[in-house]
């Protein structure tokens, strides 16, 4: 089963879900707005991807919290990801003991088809 983490109204999440539907792939979506993930889940993703890949510096949340001015350490960034899930780049996908961040159709084709 493909587990997708993100928010329903995110364009990248919509593209990923559309890809899965188009190819009849079963998936489950966990929406950050209704069911947050904690530090344990974020830490497990960081076993597969870098903090840079996971931390969304282009998000509205990042700008609203004025995080650029705070010059955060790696540990501080991780703490923010744990408490502010909307800072996580989307979608995050768990599949076959791996983690994929973001939507890229060529990558998806190679991994899922």
N, C-alpha and C. Protein backbone atom coordinates (compact mmCIF):
# COMPACT_ATOMS: atom_id res chain seq x y z
N UNK A 1 0.84 -1.18 0.00
CA UNK A 1 0.00 0.00 0.00
C UNK A 1 0.88 1.25 0.00
N UNK A 2 0.47 2.22 -0.77
CA UNK A 2 1.17 3.49 -0.86
C UNK A 2 0.55 4.42 0.18
N UNK A 3 1.38 4.98 1.05
CA UNK A 3 0.90 5.92 2.07
C UNK A 3 1.38 7.31 1.67
N UNK A 4 0.41 8.22 1.50
CA UNK A 4 0.71 9.58 1.06
C UNK A 4 0.41 10.54 2.22
N UNK A 5 1.37 11.42 2.50
CA UNK A 5 1.21 12.43 3.53
C UNK A 5 1.24 13.79 2.85
N UNK A 6 0.32 14.66 3.24
CA UNK A 6 0.27 15.99 2.66
C UNK A 6 -1.01 16.68 3.03
N UNK A 7 -1.45 17.62 2.19
CA UNK A 7 -2.74 18.26 2.38
C UNK A 7 -3.51 18.19 1.07
N UNK A 8 -4.81 18.02 1.19
CA UNK A 8 -5.66 17.77 0.02
C UNK A 8 -5.60 18.87 -1.03
N UNK A 9 -5.44 20.13 -0.60
CA UNK A 9 -5.48 21.22 -1.57
C UNK A 9 -4.11 21.61 -2.13
N UNK A 10 -3.08 20.85 -1.82
CA UNK A 10 -1.74 21.10 -2.35
C UNK A 10 -1.66 20.58 -3.79
N UNK A 11 -1.16 21.40 -4.71
CA UNK A 11 -1.08 21.00 -6.11
C UNK A 11 -0.22 19.75 -6.31
N UNK A 12 0.90 19.66 -5.62
CA UNK A 12 1.78 18.49 -5.78
C UNK A 12 1.10 17.22 -5.28
N UNK A 13 0.37 17.34 -4.18
CA UNK A 13 -0.36 16.18 -3.65
C UNK A 13 -1.45 15.78 -4.64
N UNK A 14 -2.16 16.77 -5.18
CA UNK A 14 -3.20 16.47 -6.17
C UNK A 14 -2.62 15.73 -7.38
N UNK A 15 -1.46 16.16 -7.84
CA UNK A 15 -0.81 15.49 -8.98
C UNK A 15 -0.44 14.05 -8.64
N UNK A 16 0.08 13.85 -7.45
CA UNK A 16 0.45 12.49 -7.03
C UNK A 16 -0.77 11.60 -6.95
N UNK A 17 -1.84 12.09 -6.32
CA UNK A 17 -3.05 11.29 -6.19
C UNK A 17 -3.67 11.00 -7.55
N UNK A 18 -3.61 11.97 -8.44
CA UNK A 18 -4.12 11.78 -9.80
C UNK A 18 -3.31 10.69 -10.51
N UNK A 19 -1.99 10.70 -10.34
CA UNK A 19 -1.14 9.67 -10.93
C UNK A 19 -1.55 8.29 -10.43
N UNK A 20 -1.74 8.16 -9.11
CA UNK A 20 -2.11 6.87 -8.53
C UNK A 20 -3.48 6.41 -9.03
N UNK A 21 -4.43 7.34 -9.13
CA UNK A 21 -5.76 7.00 -9.62
C UNK A 21 -5.71 6.58 -11.09
N UNK A 22 -4.97 7.33 -11.89
CA UNK A 22 -4.86 7.04 -13.33
C UNK A 22 -4.30 5.64 -13.56
N UNK A 23 -3.40 5.19 -12.69
CA UNK A 23 -2.75 3.89 -12.86
C UNK A 23 -3.33 2.82 -11.93
N UNK A 24 -4.50 3.12 -11.36
CA UNK A 24 -5.20 2.15 -10.50
C UNK A 24 -4.33 1.61 -9.37
N UNK A 25 -3.60 2.50 -8.75
CA UNK A 25 -2.74 2.12 -7.61
C UNK A 25 -3.45 2.50 -6.31
N UNK A 26 -3.53 1.56 -5.39
CA UNK A 26 -4.16 1.83 -4.10
C UNK A 26 -3.25 2.71 -3.25
N UNK A 27 -3.85 3.69 -2.63
CA UNK A 27 -3.09 4.58 -1.74
C UNK A 27 -4.00 5.01 -0.59
N UNK A 28 -3.34 5.53 0.42
CA UNK A 28 -4.05 6.10 1.57
C UNK A 28 -3.45 7.47 1.83
N UNK A 29 -4.30 8.49 1.98
CA UNK A 29 -3.83 9.85 2.22
C UNK A 29 -4.01 10.20 3.69
N UNK A 30 -2.95 10.72 4.29
CA UNK A 30 -3.04 11.30 5.63
C UNK A 30 -2.85 12.79 5.48
N UNK A 31 -3.89 13.54 5.78
CA UNK A 31 -3.88 14.99 5.63
C UNK A 31 -3.30 15.63 6.90
N UNK A 32 -2.23 16.41 6.72
CA UNK A 32 -1.58 17.07 7.85
C UNK A 32 -2.54 17.98 8.62
N UNK A 33 -3.54 18.52 7.94
CA UNK A 33 -4.45 19.46 8.61
C UNK A 33 -5.41 18.75 9.56
N UNK A 34 -5.70 17.49 9.30
CA UNK A 34 -6.64 16.76 10.15
C UNK A 34 -5.96 15.72 11.03
N UNK A 35 -4.78 15.27 10.62
CA UNK A 35 -4.06 14.25 11.39
C UNK A 35 -2.55 14.51 11.27
N UNK A 36 -2.03 15.26 12.22
CA UNK A 36 -0.62 15.64 12.20
C UNK A 36 0.28 14.43 12.43
N UNK A 37 1.52 14.58 11.98
CA UNK A 37 2.53 13.56 12.28
C UNK A 37 3.48 14.16 13.31
N UNK A 38 4.05 13.31 14.14
CA UNK A 38 4.94 13.77 15.19
C UNK A 38 6.40 13.57 14.85
N UNK A 39 7.23 13.80 15.84
CA UNK A 39 8.69 13.71 15.67
C UNK A 39 9.14 12.31 15.29
N UNK A 40 8.46 11.30 15.80
CA UNK A 40 8.86 9.94 15.49
C UNK A 40 8.75 9.67 13.98
N UNK A 41 7.66 10.12 13.37
CA UNK A 41 7.46 9.92 11.92
C UNK A 41 8.47 10.76 11.14
N UNK A 42 8.64 12.02 11.53
CA UNK A 42 9.60 12.89 10.84
C UNK A 42 11.00 12.28 10.91
N UNK A 43 11.39 11.77 12.08
CA UNK A 43 12.70 11.14 12.24
C UNK A 43 12.84 9.92 11.35
N UNK A 44 11.77 9.14 11.23
CA UNK A 44 11.84 7.95 10.36
C UNK A 44 12.04 8.35 8.90
N UNK A 45 11.40 9.45 8.47
CA UNK A 45 11.61 9.91 7.09
C UNK A 45 13.04 10.37 6.88
N UNK A 46 13.63 10.97 7.91
CA UNK A 46 15.00 11.48 7.79
C UNK A 46 16.04 10.36 7.71
N UNK A 47 15.62 9.11 7.90
CA UNK A 47 16.50 7.98 7.64
C UNK A 47 16.64 7.74 6.14
N UNK A 48 15.72 8.30 5.34
CA UNK A 48 15.69 8.08 3.89
C UNK A 48 15.97 9.32 3.07
N UNK A 49 15.62 10.49 3.60
CA UNK A 49 15.80 11.74 2.85
C UNK A 49 16.51 12.74 3.76
N UNK A 50 17.05 13.77 3.15
CA UNK A 50 17.76 14.79 3.93
C UNK A 50 16.78 15.81 4.49
N UNK A 51 17.23 16.53 5.49
CA UNK A 51 16.42 17.60 6.06
C UNK A 51 16.12 18.66 4.99
N UNK A 52 17.08 18.91 4.13
CA UNK A 52 16.90 19.89 3.06
C UNK A 52 15.77 19.46 2.12
N UNK A 53 15.67 18.16 1.84
CA UNK A 53 14.60 17.65 0.98
C UNK A 53 13.24 17.77 1.66
N UNK A 54 13.20 17.64 2.96
CA UNK A 54 11.94 17.59 3.70
C UNK A 54 11.44 18.96 4.15
N UNK A 55 12.35 19.90 4.38
CA UNK A 55 12.00 21.20 4.94
C UNK A 55 11.65 22.17 3.81
N UNK A 56 10.40 22.63 3.80
CA UNK A 56 9.90 23.46 2.71
C UNK A 56 10.11 24.95 2.99
N UNK A 57 11.16 25.50 2.41
CA UNK A 57 11.47 26.92 2.61
C UNK A 57 10.63 27.81 1.68
N UNK A 58 9.80 27.21 0.84
CA UNK A 58 8.97 28.00 -0.07
C UNK A 58 7.52 28.07 0.40
N UNK A 59 7.24 27.51 1.57
CA UNK A 59 5.85 27.46 2.05
C UNK A 59 5.41 28.78 2.67
N UNK A 60 4.11 28.97 2.66
CA UNK A 60 3.52 30.14 3.32
C UNK A 60 3.82 30.11 4.81
N UNK A 61 3.78 28.93 5.40
CA UNK A 61 4.07 28.79 6.83
C UNK A 61 5.49 29.27 7.14
N UNK A 62 6.44 28.90 6.29
CA UNK A 62 7.83 29.33 6.47
C UNK A 62 7.93 30.86 6.46
N UNK A 63 7.24 31.47 5.51
CA UNK A 63 7.27 32.94 5.41
C UNK A 63 6.55 33.58 6.59
N UNK A 64 5.37 33.04 6.94
CA UNK A 64 4.59 33.62 8.05
C UNK A 64 5.32 33.55 9.38
N UNK A 65 6.08 32.48 9.60
CA UNK A 65 6.83 32.33 10.84
C UNK A 65 8.17 33.07 10.82
N UNK A 66 8.47 33.67 9.65
CA UNK A 66 9.72 34.43 9.47
C UNK A 66 10.95 33.59 9.83
N UNK A 67 10.95 32.36 9.37
CA UNK A 67 12.03 31.43 9.73
C UNK A 67 13.34 31.75 9.03
N UNK A 68 13.28 32.41 7.88
CA UNK A 68 14.51 32.75 7.18
C UNK A 68 15.39 33.65 8.05
N UNK A 69 14.77 34.58 8.75
CA UNK A 69 15.52 35.51 9.60
C UNK A 69 16.10 34.82 10.84
N UNK A 70 15.55 33.68 11.21
CA UNK A 70 15.99 33.01 12.44
C UNK A 70 17.25 32.17 12.26
N UNK A 71 17.66 31.93 11.01
CA UNK A 71 18.88 31.17 10.73
C UNK A 71 18.94 29.89 11.58
N UNK A 72 17.96 29.02 11.37
CA UNK A 72 17.79 27.82 12.19
C UNK A 72 18.90 26.79 12.02
N UNK A 73 19.23 26.13 13.11
CA UNK A 73 20.16 25.00 13.05
C UNK A 73 19.40 23.78 12.51
N UNK A 74 20.12 22.72 12.22
CA UNK A 74 19.49 21.48 11.75
C UNK A 74 18.49 20.96 12.79
N UNK A 75 18.88 20.96 14.05
CA UNK A 75 17.99 20.48 15.11
C UNK A 75 16.74 21.35 15.24
N UNK A 76 16.92 22.65 15.10
CA UNK A 76 15.77 23.56 15.19
C UNK A 76 14.81 23.34 14.02
N UNK A 77 15.36 23.10 12.84
CA UNK A 77 14.52 22.82 11.67
C UNK A 77 13.70 21.55 11.91
N UNK A 78 14.35 20.53 12.43
CA UNK A 78 13.65 19.28 12.72
C UNK A 78 12.53 19.51 13.73
N UNK A 79 12.81 20.29 14.77
CA UNK A 79 11.78 20.61 15.77
C UNK A 79 10.59 21.31 15.12
N UNK A 80 10.86 22.24 14.22
CA UNK A 80 9.78 22.95 13.53
C UNK A 80 8.96 21.98 12.67
N UNK A 81 9.62 21.05 12.00
CA UNK A 81 8.88 20.07 11.19
C UNK A 81 7.93 19.26 12.07
N UNK A 82 8.36 18.94 13.27
CA UNK A 82 7.54 18.14 14.19
C UNK A 82 6.30 18.90 14.65
N UNK A 83 6.45 20.19 14.90
CA UNK A 83 5.31 20.93 15.45
C UNK A 83 4.53 21.70 14.40
N UNK A 84 5.11 21.94 13.24
CA UNK A 84 4.45 22.66 12.15
C UNK A 84 4.52 21.80 10.89
N UNK A 85 3.62 20.83 10.79
CA UNK A 85 3.66 19.89 9.67
C UNK A 85 3.53 20.56 8.31
N UNK A 86 2.97 21.76 8.26
CA UNK A 86 2.84 22.44 6.97
C UNK A 86 4.18 22.94 6.44
N UNK A 87 5.25 22.79 7.23
CA UNK A 87 6.60 23.08 6.75
C UNK A 87 7.21 21.90 5.99
N UNK A 88 6.53 20.77 6.00
CA UNK A 88 7.04 19.57 5.33
C UNK A 88 6.71 19.66 3.84
N UNK A 89 7.73 19.44 3.00
CA UNK A 89 7.50 19.42 1.56
C UNK A 89 6.53 18.30 1.25
N UNK A 90 5.68 18.54 0.28
CA UNK A 90 4.62 17.58 -0.02
C UNK A 90 4.67 17.16 -1.48
N UNK A 91 4.14 15.98 -1.74
CA UNK A 91 3.75 14.95 -0.79
C UNK A 91 4.97 14.18 -0.26
N UNK A 92 4.79 13.54 0.89
CA UNK A 92 5.75 12.55 1.39
C UNK A 92 5.07 11.21 1.18
N UNK A 93 5.78 10.30 0.52
CA UNK A 93 5.19 9.01 0.18
C UNK A 93 6.04 7.88 0.75
N UNK A 94 5.39 6.99 1.47
CA UNK A 94 6.04 5.78 1.97
C UNK A 94 5.59 4.63 1.08
N UNK A 95 6.57 3.91 0.57
CA UNK A 95 6.27 2.79 -0.33
C UNK A 95 7.45 1.82 -0.33
N UNK A 96 7.16 0.54 -0.09
CA UNK A 96 8.20 -0.50 -0.14
C UNK A 96 9.45 -0.12 0.64
N UNK A 97 9.29 0.26 1.88
CA UNK A 97 10.42 0.58 2.76
C UNK A 97 11.30 1.71 2.24
N UNK A 98 10.69 2.66 1.57
CA UNK A 98 11.42 3.85 1.16
C UNK A 98 10.52 5.07 1.30
N UNK A 99 11.10 6.24 1.17
CA UNK A 99 10.36 7.50 1.29
C UNK A 99 10.70 8.37 0.09
N UNK A 100 9.66 8.93 -0.51
CA UNK A 100 9.81 9.83 -1.65
C UNK A 100 9.19 11.17 -1.26
N UNK A 101 9.90 12.26 -1.53
CA UNK A 101 9.38 13.59 -1.21
C UNK A 101 9.18 14.36 -2.51
N UNK A 102 8.00 14.94 -2.66
CA UNK A 102 7.69 15.73 -3.84
C UNK A 102 7.11 14.88 -4.96
N UNK A 103 6.62 15.58 -5.97
CA UNK A 103 6.04 14.88 -7.13
C UNK A 103 6.91 15.11 -8.35
N UNK A 104 7.28 14.02 -8.99
CA UNK A 104 8.01 14.05 -10.26
C UNK A 104 7.50 12.87 -11.07
N UNK A 105 6.80 13.15 -12.17
CA UNK A 105 6.14 12.08 -12.92
C UNK A 105 7.12 11.02 -13.41
N UNK A 106 8.28 11.41 -13.89
CA UNK A 106 9.26 10.42 -14.36
C UNK A 106 9.70 9.52 -13.22
N UNK A 107 9.97 10.11 -12.07
CA UNK A 107 10.37 9.33 -10.89
C UNK A 107 9.23 8.40 -10.47
N UNK A 108 8.02 8.91 -10.44
CA UNK A 108 6.86 8.09 -10.07
C UNK A 108 6.71 6.91 -11.03
N UNK A 109 6.86 7.18 -12.32
CA UNK A 109 6.74 6.11 -13.32
C UNK A 109 7.77 5.01 -13.05
N UNK A 110 8.99 5.41 -12.76
CA UNK A 110 10.05 4.44 -12.48
C UNK A 110 9.82 3.65 -11.20
N UNK A 111 9.27 4.28 -10.19
CA UNK A 111 9.08 3.63 -8.90
C UNK A 111 7.81 2.79 -8.84
N UNK A 112 6.71 3.34 -9.37
CA UNK A 112 5.41 2.71 -9.15
C UNK A 112 4.89 1.86 -10.30
N UNK A 113 5.46 2.00 -11.49
CA UNK A 113 4.93 1.25 -12.63
C UNK A 113 5.89 0.19 -13.12
